Amino acid sequence: MMIGSPSEPGNIKNVKYFSDLQISAAFHRIFPCQLTHRKCECLKNRFSLEMILNGEVDLLLDDTRIRLTGPCLFWIGDRHKFFQYELIPDTGYEHFWIDFTGERGRRIYNSLSEAYPDSHLPLKNIKNILPVFEGFARKFKNPRRPDSSAEDVFLIEQLMREIIRQTQPENQPDWNDPHGLRALAEQIRNAPFEKYDPARLAKDAGLSYVHFRASFKQLHGDSFWQYVLKQRMLTAGELLKGGQFRVGELSDYCGFPDQGSFTRAFKRFYHMSPLQWMKKTEEN
């Protein structure tokens, strides 16, 4: 069976934070038209997010053949048994891919697969997507142990947000949320470490800055910055549970100027220091 274009899309779910996402490899390759590829087994708990930048190639997933034309995004995981790339005569292609593991990686893969059962989607704009793939390809140029640095997790989150943004229907107002304040709160919950500019957000919502602040607090019970800080602290607590993030690394990831500022904010929220929190969660 040949699939040339993706089926009617569903909704890609925002993926909550898990500290176990590990990047195991990332590559950038330009394949000439005469190169052949071997069949590869899809390994359990191993996933990849991949992009054809230009050119064309056929992807075989078990018995299904998918024509990939750049720029497009696709993903491979253990829902299938085998995959293989089969070249189109006189046509080469340019290929990026990122391999990863972990529960968060599985949720990313499952969310994309549920929204796009054909396992691929064309890209409208690669301006915010290509630099992420290029960055991982440079960082993992030489073989290395699986890595789960805060920077890598943030970049994968950034990539997922851009994919979600590109696949959402445009210009569909939500009459239950005319200014998008509920949607904004969901965005903050799923991406609390993003840099937010309330003045710009107020303008995008069609509200004055004063009205934006008042409306947000009335709807959510916290001021805008209280809400952002709360989500950052909740996420920081979850990330520290895994023991894969150092406090200093996480303070920078959370947007604090130094570790001391982060520790004070964490202690006000949890009534204990980050180290005490880590010890407590380990005991439980």
C-alpha atoms as a PDB file:
ATOM      1  CA  MET A   1       0.000   0.000   0.000  1.00  0.00           C
ATOM      2  CA  MET A   2       1.365   3.404  -1.005  1.00  0.00           C
ATOM      3  CA  ILE A   3       0.575   6.510   1.045  1.00  0.00           C
ATOM      4  CA  GLY A   4       1.386   9.815  -0.617  1.00  0.00           C
ATOM      5  CA  SER A   5      -0.085  12.347   1.767  1.00  0.00           C
ATOM      6  CA  PRO A   6      -1.226  12.182   5.405  1.00  0.00           C
ATOM      7  CA  SER A   7      -4.818  11.399   6.304  1.00  0.00           C
ATOM      8  CA  GLU A   8      -7.118  13.915   7.948  1.00  0.00           C
ATOM      9  CA  PRO A   9      -5.183  15.095  11.024  1.00  0.00           C
ATOM     10  CA  GLY A  10      -6.313  14.865  14.610  1.00  0.00           C
ATOM     11  CA  ASN A  11      -5.049  16.891  17.535  1.00  0.00           C
ATOM     12  CA  ILE A  12      -1.462  16.485  18.679  1.00  0.00           C
ATOM     13  CA  LYS A  13      -1.534  16.431  22.467  1.00  0.00           C
ATOM     14  CA  ASN A  14       0.774  18.619  24.486  1.00  0.00           C
ATOM     15  CA  VAL A  15       3.210  16.351  26.323  1.00  0.00           C
ATOM     16  CA  LYS A  16       3.662  16.905  30.040  1.00  0.00           C
ATOM     17  CA  TYR A  17       7.127  17.077  31.501  1.00  0.00           C
ATOM     18  CA  PHE A  18       9.011  13.849  32.223  1.00  0.00           C
ATOM     19  CA  SER A  19      12.642  13.925  33.246  1.00  0.00           C
ATOM     20  CA  ASP A  20      13.516  10.607  31.607  1.00  0.00           C
ATOM     21  CA  LEU A  21      13.690  11.798  27.986  1.00  0.00           C
ATOM     22  CA  GLN A  22      17.130  10.797  26.682  1.00  0.00           C
ATOM     23  CA  ILE A  23      18.633  11.684  23.316  1.00  0.00           C
ATOM     24  CA  SER A  24      20.751   8.777  22.076  1.00  0.00           C
ATOM     25  CA  ALA A  25      21.779  10.039  18.617  1.00  0.00           C
ATOM     26  CA  ALA A  26      21.152  12.759  16.041  1.00  0.00           C
ATOM     27  CA  PHE A  27      22.307  12.932  12.429  1.00  0.00           C
ATOM     28  CA  HIS A  28      22.284  14.999   9.270  1.00  0.00           C
ATOM     29  CA  ARG A  29      22.915  13.105   6.041  1.00  0.00           C
ATOM     30  CA  ILE A  30      22.643  13.849   2.321  1.00  0.00           C
ATOM     31  CA  PHE A  31      21.953  10.615   0.466  1.00  0.00           C
ATOM     32  CA  PRO A  32      22.837  10.360  -3.245  1.00  0.00           C
ATOM     33  CA  CYS A  33      20.408   8.599  -5.532  1.00  0.00           C
ATOM     34  CA  GLN A  34      22.564   5.471  -5.975  1.00  0.00           C
ATOM     35  CA  LEU A  35      22.855   4.603  -2.247  1.00  0.00           C
ATOM     36  CA  THR A  36      20.914   1.583  -0.972  1.00  0.00           C
ATOM     37  CA  HIS A  37      19.552   1.102   2.574  1.00  0.00           C
ATOM     38  CA  ARG A  38      19.191  -2.082   4.585  1.00  0.00           C
ATOM     39  CA  LYS A  39      16.032  -3.085   6.428  1.00  0.00           C
ATOM     40  CA  CYS A  40      16.163  -2.145  10.132  1.00  0.00           C
ATOM     41  CA  GLU A  41      14.281  -3.554  13.084  1.00  0.00           C
ATOM     42  CA  CYS A  42      12.129  -1.188  15.171  1.00  0.00           C
ATOM     43  CA  LEU A  43      13.456  -1.628  18.684  1.00  0.00           C
ATOM     44  CA  LYS A  44      11.233  -1.606  21.767  1.00  0.00           C
ATOM     45  CA  ASN A  45      11.211   1.733  23.616  1.00  0.00           C
ATOM     46  CA  ARG A  46      13.295   3.401  20.874  1.00  0.00           C
ATOM     47  CA  PHE A  47      11.811   6.306  18.937  1.00  0.00           C
ATOM     48  CA  SER A  48      12.929   8.815  16.347  1.00  0.00           C
ATOM     49  CA  LEU A  49      11.680  12.162  15.101  1.00  0.00           C
ATOM     50  CA  GLU A  50      12.863  12.735  11.540  1.00  0.00           C
ATOM     51  CA  MET A  51      12.726  15.303   8.751  1.00  0.00           C
ATOM     52  CA  ILE A  52      13.267  15.104   5.009  1.00  0.00           C
ATOM     53  CA  LEU A  53      14.528  18.586   4.194  1.00  0.00           C
ATOM     54  CA  ASN A  54      14.478  18.222   0.424  1.00  0.00           C
ATOM     55  CA  GLY A  55      14.266  15.521  -2.220  1.00  0.00           C
ATOM     56  CA  GLU A  56      12.101  12.390  -2.135  1.00  0.00           C
ATOM     57  CA  VAL A  57      12.364   8.890  -0.702  1.00  0.00           C
ATOM     58  CA  ASP A  58       9.993   5.990  -0.019  1.00  0.00           C
ATOM     59  CA  LEU A  59       9.725   4.852   3.608  1.00  0.00           C
ATOM     60  CA  LEU A  60       8.669   1.237   4.137  1.00  0.00           C
ATOM     61  CA  LEU A  61       7.012   0.617   7.502  1.00  0.00           C
ATOM     62  CA  ASP A  62       6.293  -3.105   7.612  1.00  0.00           C
ATOM     63  CA  ASP A  63       4.118  -3.571   4.490  1.00  0.00           C
ATOM     64  CA  THR A  64       3.219   0.099   4.023  1.00  0.00           C
ATOM     65  CA  ARG A  65       5.099   2.336   1.594  1.00  0.00           C
ATOM     66  CA  ILE A  66       5.030   6.093   2.295  1.00  0.00           C
ATOM     67  CA  ARG A  67       6.273   8.640  -0.225  1.00  0.00           C
ATOM     68  CA  LEU A  68       8.155  11.344   1.701  1.00  0.00           C
ATOM     69  CA  THR A  69       8.681  14.649  -0.116  1.00  0.00           C
ATOM     70  CA  GLY A  70      10.648  17.390   1.612  1.00  0.00           C
ATOM     71  CA  PRO A  71      10.107  19.322   3.663  1.00  0.00           C
ATOM     72  CA  CYS A  72       8.163  16.862   5.768  1.00  0.00           C
ATOM     73  CA  LEU A  73       8.285  15.396   9.250  1.00  0.00           C
ATOM     74  CA  PHE A  74       7.846  11.727  10.177  1.00  0.00           C
ATOM     75  CA  TRP A  75       8.449   9.465  13.173  1.00  0.00           C
ATOM     76  CA  ILE A  76       9.420   5.841  13.780  1.00  0.00           C
ATOM     77  CA  GLY A  77       8.836   3.725  16.881  1.00  0.00           C
ATOM     78  CA  ASP A  78       7.852   0.326  18.155  1.00  0.00           C
ATOM     79  CA  ARG A  79       4.303   0.330  16.792  1.00  0.00           C
ATOM     80  CA  HIS A  80       5.961  -1.214  13.737  1.00  0.00           C
ATOM     81  CA  LYS A  81       8.390  -4.141  13.354  1.00  0.00           C
ATOM     82  CA  PHE A  82      10.641  -2.970  10.518  1.00  0.00           C
ATOM     83  CA  PHE A  83      11.490   0.092   8.476  1.00  0.00           C
ATOM     84  CA  GLN A  84      13.547   0.703   5.352  1.00  0.00           C
ATOM     85  CA  TYR A  85      14.253   3.616   3.021  1.00  0.00           C
ATOM     86  CA  GLU A  86      13.870   2.821  -0.674  1.00  0.00           C
ATOM     87  CA  LEU A  87      15.285   5.288  -3.171  1.00  0.00           C
ATOM     88  CA  ILE A  88      13.377   6.746  -6.093  1.00  0.00           C
ATOM     89  CA  PRO A  89      15.344   6.433  -9.384  1.00  0.00           C
ATOM     90  CA  ASP A  90      17.595   9.449 -10.096  1.00  0.00           C
ATOM     91  CA  THR A  91      16.460  11.187  -6.886  1.00  0.00           C
ATOM     92  CA  GLY A  92      18.455  11.848  -3.716  1.00  0.00           C
ATOM     93  CA  TYR A  93      17.317  13.381  -0.445  1.00  0.00           C
ATOM     94  CA  GLU A  94      18.528  15.302   2.613  1.00  0.00           C
ATOM     95  CA  HIS A  95      17.641  13.742   5.963  1.00  0.00           C
ATOM     96  CA  PHE A  96      17.773  14.788   9.641  1.00  0.00           C
ATOM     97  CA  TRP A  97      16.850  12.513  12.535  1.00  0.00           C
ATOM     98  CA  ILE A  98      16.874  12.471  16.342  1.00  0.00           C
ATOM     99  CA  ASP A  99      16.759   9.175  18.271  1.00  0.00           C
ATOM    100  CA  PHE A 100      15.429   9.150  21.840  1.00  0.00           C
ATOM    101  CA  THR A 101      14.089   6.967  24.655  1.00  0.00           C
ATOM    102  CA  GLY A 102      12.043   7.398  27.842  1.00  0.00           C
ATOM    103  CA  GLU A 103       8.395   7.673  28.874  1.00  0.00           C
ATOM    104  CA  ARG A 104       8.205  11.233  27.647  1.00  0.00           C
ATOM    105  CA  GLY A 105       9.625  10.092  24.318  1.00  0.00           C
ATOM    106  CA  ARG A 106       6.933   7.412  24.068  1.00  0.00           C
ATOM    107  CA  ARG A 107       4.219   9.974  24.789  1.00  0.00           C
ATOM    108  CA  ILE A 108       5.559  12.253  22.065  1.00  0.00           C
ATOM    109  CA  TYR A 109       5.587   9.342  19.615  1.00  0.00           C
ATOM    110  CA  ASN A 110       2.099   8.122  20.618  1.00  0.00           C
ATOM    111  CA  SER A 111       0.622  11.608  20.412  1.00  0.00           C
ATOM    112  CA  LEU A 112       1.967  12.151  16.896  1.00  0.00           C
ATOM    113  CA  SER A 113       0.887   8.658  15.785  1.00  0.00           C
ATOM    114  CA  GLU A 114      -2.646   9.085  17.129  1.00  0.00           C
ATOM    115  CA  ALA A 115      -3.024  12.471  15.431  1.00  0.00           C
ATOM    116  CA  TYR A 116      -1.444  11.304  12.143  1.00  0.00           C
ATOM    117  CA  PRO A 117      -1.837   7.504  11.734  1.00  0.00           C
ATOM    118  CA  ASP A 118       0.077   7.697   8.429  1.00  0.00           C
ATOM    119  CA  SER A 119       3.204   8.563  10.459  1.00  0.00           C
ATOM    120  CA  HIS A 120       4.134  11.736   8.579  1.00  0.00           C
ATOM    121  CA  LEU A 121       3.041  15.276   7.822  1.00  0.00           C
ATOM    122  CA  PRO A 122       4.183  18.010   5.411  1.00  0.00           C
ATOM    123  CA  LEU A 123       5.763  21.093   6.952  1.00  0.00           C
ATOM    124  CA  LYS A 124       4.403  24.535   6.118  1.00  0.00           C
ATOM    125  CA  ASN A 125       7.419  26.385   7.466  1.00  0.00           C
ATOM    126  CA  ILE A 126      10.789  25.056   8.639  1.00  0.00           C
ATOM    127  CA  LYS A 127      12.171  28.351  10.008  1.00  0.00           C
ATOM    128  CA  ASN A 128      11.700  27.321  13.658  1.00  0.00           C
ATOM    129  CA  ILE A 129      12.132  23.577  13.081  1.00  0.00           C
ATOM    130  CA  LEU A 130      15.331  23.276  11.067  1.00  0.00           C
ATOM    131  CA  PRO A 131      17.591  25.005  13.678  1.00  0.00           C
ATOM    132  CA  VAL A 132      16.543  22.443  16.326  1.00  0.00           C
ATOM    133  CA  PHE A 133      17.476  19.510  14.082  1.00  0.00           C
ATOM    134  CA  GLU A 134      20.722  21.220  13.075  1.00  0.00           C
ATOM    135  CA  GLY A 135      21.597  21.895  16.729  1.00  0.00           C
ATOM    136  CA  PHE A 136      21.123  18.250  17.742  1.00  0.00           C
ATOM    137  CA  ALA A 137      23.091  17.049  14.692  1.00  0.00           C
ATOM    138  CA  ARG A 138      26.047  19.237  15.722  1.00  0.00           C
ATOM    139  CA  LYS A 139      25.880  18.237  19.381  1.00  0.00           C
ATOM    140  CA  PHE A 140      25.691  14.504  18.668  1.00  0.00           C
ATOM    141  CA  LYS A 141      28.136  14.522  15.748  1.00  0.00           C
ATOM    142  CA  ASN A 142      30.303  12.000  17.579  1.00  0.00           C
ATOM    143  CA  PRO A 143      28.797   8.885  19.254  1.00  0.00           C
ATOM    144  CA  ARG A 144      28.045   9.454  22.922  1.00  0.00           C
ATOM    145  CA  ARG A 145      26.059   8.058  25.833  1.00  0.00           C
ATOM    146  CA  PRO A 146      22.335   8.880  25.975  1.00  0.00           C
ATOM    147  CA  ASP A 147      21.883  12.409  27.307  1.00  0.00           C
ATOM    148  CA  SER A 148      18.969  14.075  29.101  1.00  0.00           C
ATOM    149  CA  SER A 149      20.245  17.578  29.726  1.00  0.00           C
ATOM    150  CA  ALA A 150      17.779  20.346  30.500  1.00  0.00           C
ATOM    151  CA  GLU A 151      18.760  22.063  27.259  1.00  0.00           C
ATOM    152  CA  ASP A 152      17.883  18.974  25.201  1.00  0.00           C
ATOM    153  CA  VAL A 153      14.506  18.572  26.915  1.00  0.00           C
ATOM    154  CA  PHE A 154      13.748  22.242  26.289  1.00  0.00           C
ATOM    155  CA  LEU A 155      14.654  21.966  22.581  1.00  0.00           C
ATOM    156  CA  ILE A 156      12.426  18.911  22.081  1.00  0.00           C
ATOM    157  CA  GLU A 157       9.601  20.784  23.837  1.00  0.00           C
ATOM    158  CA  GLN A 158      10.234  23.777  21.567  1.00  0.00           C
ATOM    159  CA  LEU A 159      10.088  21.501  18.526  1.00  0.00           C
ATOM    160  CA  MET A 160       6.802  19.932  19.651  1.00  0.00           C
ATOM    161  CA  ARG A 161       5.238  23.351  20.256  1.00  0.00           C
ATOM    162  CA  GLU A 162       6.138  24.420  16.721  1.00  0.00           C
ATOM    163  CA  ILE A 163       4.699  21.210  15.253  1.00  0.00           C
ATOM    164  CA  ILE A 164       1.480  21.717  17.227  1.00  0.00           C
ATOM    165  CA  ARG A 165       1.307  25.364  16.133  1.00  0.00           C
ATOM    166  CA  GLN A 166       1.685  24.430  12.459  1.00  0.00           C
ATOM    167  CA  THR A 167      -0.989  21.733  12.588  1.00  0.00           C
ATOM    168  CA  GLN A 168      -3.662  23.649  14.509  1.00  0.00           C
ATOM    169  CA  PRO A 169      -6.582  24.964  12.437  1.00  0.00           C
ATOM    170  CA  GLU A 170      -6.271  28.692  11.871  1.00  0.00           C
ATOM    171  CA  ASN A 171      -8.798  31.391  12.633  1.00  0.00           C
ATOM    172  CA  GLN A 172     -11.223  29.265  14.632  1.00  0.00           C
ATOM    173  CA  PRO A 173     -12.385  31.406  17.560  1.00  0.00           C
ATOM    174  CA  ASP A 174     -13.425  29.738  20.797  1.00  0.00           C
ATOM    175  CA  TRP A 175     -16.539  31.597  21.916  1.00  0.00           C
ATOM    176  CA  ASN A 176     -16.125  30.179  25.438  1.00  0.00           C
ATOM    177  CA  ASP A 177     -12.651  31.730  25.556  1.00  0.00           C
ATOM    178  CA  PRO A 178     -12.897  34.869  23.379  1.00  0.00           C
ATOM    179  CA  HIS A 179      -9.558  36.326  24.501  1.00  0.00           C
ATOM    180  CA  GLY A 180      -7.685  33.020  24.646  1.00  0.00           C
ATOM    181  CA  LEU A 181      -6.941  33.202  28.386  1.00  0.00           C
ATOM    182  CA  ARG A 182      -7.819  29.563  29.051  1.00  0.00           C
ATOM    183  CA  ALA A 183      -5.694  28.514  26.096  1.00  0.00           C
ATOM    184  CA  LEU A 184      -2.880  30.720  27.402  1.00  0.00           C
ATOM    185  CA  ALA A 185      -3.044  29.016  30.813  1.00  0.00           C
ATOM    186  CA  GLU A 186      -2.802  25.602  29.130  1.00  0.00           C
ATOM    187  CA  GLN A 187       0.191  26.799  27.145  1.00  0.00           C
ATOM    188  CA  ILE A 188       1.895  27.960  30.359  1.00  0.00           C
ATOM    189  CA  ARG A 189       1.171  24.613  32.046  1.00  0.00           C
ATOM    190  CA  ASN A 190       2.776  22.715  29.175  1.00  0.00           C
ATOM    191  CA  ALA A 191       5.647  25.161  28.555  1.00  0.00           C
ATOM    192  CA  PRO A 192       6.226  27.000  31.849  1.00  0.00           C
ATOM    193  CA  PHE A 193       9.859  27.869  31.093  1.00  0.00           C
ATOM    194  CA  GLU A 194       9.071  29.817  27.938  1.00  0.00           C
ATOM    195  CA  LYS A 195       9.753  33.564  28.078  1.00  0.00           C
ATOM    196  CA  TYR A 196       6.387  35.316  28.353  1.00  0.00           C
ATOM    197  CA  ASP A 197       5.748  38.987  27.646  1.00  0.00           C
ATOM    198  CA  PRO A 198       2.394  39.961  29.226  1.00  0.00           C
ATOM    199  CA  ALA A 199       2.267  43.263  27.330  1.00  0.00           C
ATOM    200  CA  ARG A 200       2.507  41.428  24.004  1.00  0.00           C
ATOM    201  CA  LEU A 201       0.076  38.746  25.185  1.00  0.00           C
ATOM    202  CA  ALA A 202      -2.424  41.450  26.157  1.00  0.00           C
ATOM    203  CA  LYS A 203      -2.117  42.975  22.694  1.00  0.00           C
ATOM    204  CA  ASP A 204      -2.562  39.566  21.040  1.00  0.00           C
ATOM    205  CA  ALA A 205      -5.686  39.003  23.163  1.00  0.00           C
ATOM    206  CA  GLY A 206      -7.147  42.352  22.073  1.00  0.00           C
ATOM    207  CA  LEU A 207      -7.102  43.711  25.633  1.00  0.00           C
ATOM    208  CA  SER A 208      -5.441  46.590  27.379  1.00  0.00           C
ATOM    209  CA  TYR A 209      -2.631  45.556  29.710  1.00  0.00           C
ATOM    210  CA  VAL A 210      -4.714  46.480  32.793  1.00  0.00           C
ATOM    211  CA  HIS A 211      -7.757  44.587  31.504  1.00  0.00           C
ATOM    212  CA  PHE A 212      -5.583  41.576  30.606  1.00  0.00           C
ATOM    213  CA  ARG A 213      -4.137  41.373  34.121  1.00  0.00           C
ATOM    214  CA  ALA A 214      -7.543  41.730  35.765  1.00  0.00           C
ATOM    215  CA  SER A 215      -9.230  39.205  33.455  1.00  0.00           C
ATOM    216  CA  PHE A 216      -6.480  36.627  33.895  1.00  0.00           C
ATOM    217  CA  LYS A 217      -6.614  36.853  37.682  1.00  0.00           C
ATOM    218  CA  GLN A 218     -10.416  36.706  37.741  1.00  0.00           C
ATOM    219  CA  LEU A 219     -10.405  33.593  35.553  1.00  0.00           C
ATOM    220  CA  HIS A 220      -7.495  31.687  37.143  1.00  0.00           C
ATOM    221  CA  GLY A 221      -7.343  33.014  40.706  1.00  0.00           C
ATOM    222  CA  ASP A 222      -3.671  34.045  40.433  1.00  0.00           C
ATOM    223  CA  SER A 223      -2.027  36.999  38.803  1.00  0.00           C
ATOM    224  CA  PHE A 224      -0.289  36.239  35.516  1.00  0.00           C
ATOM    225  CA  TRP A 225       3.200  36.068  37.044  1.00  0.00           C
ATOM    226  CA  GLN A 226       1.980  34.118  40.083  1.00  0.00           C
ATOM    227  CA  TYR A 227       0.478  31.567  37.712  1.00  0.00           C
ATOM    228  CA  VAL A 228       3.691  31.300  35.668  1.00  0.00           C
ATOM    229  CA  LEU A 229       5.808  30.897  38.811  1.00  0.00           C
ATOM    230  CA  LYS A 230       3.436  28.259  40.196  1.00  0.00           C
ATOM    231  CA  GLN A 231       3.678  26.179  37.014  1.00  0.00           C
ATOM    232  CA  ARG A 232       7.445  26.534  36.948  1.00  0.00           C
ATOM    233  CA  MET A 233       7.728  25.334  40.530  1.00  0.00           C
ATOM    234  CA  LEU A 234       5.358  22.399  39.965  1.00  0.00           C
ATOM    235  CA  THR A 235       7.371  21.339  36.941  1.00  0.00           C
ATOM    236  CA  ALA A 236      10.687  21.897  38.726  1.00  0.00           C
ATOM    237  CA  GLY A 237       9.514  19.606  41.527  1.00  0.00           C
ATOM    238  CA  GLU A 238       8.658  16.881  39.000  1.00  0.00           C
ATOM    239  CA  LEU A 239      11.987  17.241  37.212  1.00  0.00           C
ATOM    240  CA  LEU A 240      13.936  16.993  40.462  1.00  0.00           C
ATOM    241  CA  LYS A 241      12.175  13.728  41.347  1.00  0.00           C
ATOM    242  CA  GLY A 242      14.037  11.877  38.617  1.00  0.00           C
ATOM    243  CA  GLY A 243      17.435  12.864  40.013  1.00  0.00           C
ATOM    244  CA  GLN A 244      18.732  13.603  36.521  1.00  0.00           C
ATOM    245  CA  PHE A 245      18.861  17.392  36.934  1.00  0.00           C
ATOM    246  CA  ARG A 246      21.279  19.253  39.153  1.00  0.00           C
ATOM    247  CA  VAL A 247      19.761  22.149  41.088  1.00  0.00           C
ATOM    248  CA  GLY A 248      22.055  24.665  39.386  1.00  0.00           C
ATOM    249  CA  GLU A 249      21.171  23.334  35.956  1.00  0.00           C
ATOM    250  CA  LEU A 250      17.466  23.450  36.733  1.00  0.00           C
ATOM    251  CA  SER A 251      17.605  27.001  38.127  1.00  0.00           C
ATOM    252  CA  ASP A 252      18.918  28.231  34.780  1.00  0.00           C
ATOM    253  CA  TYR A 253      16.358  26.136  32.911  1.00  0.00           C
ATOM    254  CA  CYS A 254      13.577  27.731  35.008  1.00  0.00           C
ATOM    255  CA  GLY A 255      14.755  31.227  34.055  1.00  0.00           C
ATOM    256  CA  PHE A 256      16.212  32.328  37.404  1.00  0.00           C
ATOM    257  CA  PRO A 257      19.316  34.555  37.394  1.00  0.00           C
ATOM    258  CA  ASP A 258      21.182  32.290  39.833  1.00  0.00           C
ATOM    259  CA  GLN A 259      20.804  29.177  41.967  1.00  0.00           C
ATOM    260  CA  GLY A 260      20.143  31.179  45.133  1.00  0.00           C
ATOM    261  CA  SER A 261      17.088  32.901  43.618  1.00  0.00           C
ATOM    262  CA  PHE A 262      15.725  29.562  42.446  1.00  0.00           C
ATOM    263  CA  THR A 263      16.308  27.928  45.852  1.00  0.00           C
ATOM    264  CA  ARG A 264      14.485  30.758  47.680  1.00  0.00           C
ATOM    265  CA  ALA A 265      11.503  30.577  45.298  1.00  0.00           C
ATOM    266  CA  PHE A 266      11.417  26.781  45.580  1.00  0.00           C
ATOM    267  CA  LYS A 267      11.510  26.942  49.371  1.00  0.00           C
ATOM    268  CA  ARG A 268       8.641  29.475  49.490  1.00  0.00           C
ATOM    269  CA  PHE A 269       6.538  27.172  47.322  1.00  0.00           C
ATOM    270  CA  TYR A 270       7.380  23.748  48.831  1.00  0.00           C
ATOM    271  CA  HIS A 271       8.448  24.878  52.325  1.00  0.00           C
ATOM    272  CA  MET A 272      11.698  22.964  51.908  1.00  0.00           C
ATOM    273  CA  SER A 273      14.891  23.331  49.886  1.00  0.00           C
ATOM    274  CA  PRO A 274      15.381  21.542  46.539  1.00  0.00           C
ATOM    275  CA  LEU A 275      17.828  19.109  48.170  1.00  0.00           C
ATOM    276  CA  GLN A 276      15.353  18.336  50.951  1.00  0.00           C
ATOM    277  CA  TRP A 277      12.650  17.809  48.329  1.00  0.00           C
ATOM    278  CA  MET A 278      14.849  15.386  46.381  1.00  0.00           C
ATOM    279  CA  LYS A 279      15.658  13.426  49.536  1.00  0.00           C
ATOM    280  CA  LYS A 280      11.989  13.266  50.522  1.00  0.00           C
ATOM    281  CA  THR A 281      10.855  12.027  47.119  1.00  0.00           C
ATOM    282  CA  GLU A 282      13.608   9.387  47.095  1.00  0.00           C
ATOM    283  CA  GLU A 283      12.395   8.073  50.457  1.00  0.00           C
ATOM    284  CA  ASN A 284       8.827   7.842  49.160  1.00  0.00           C
END
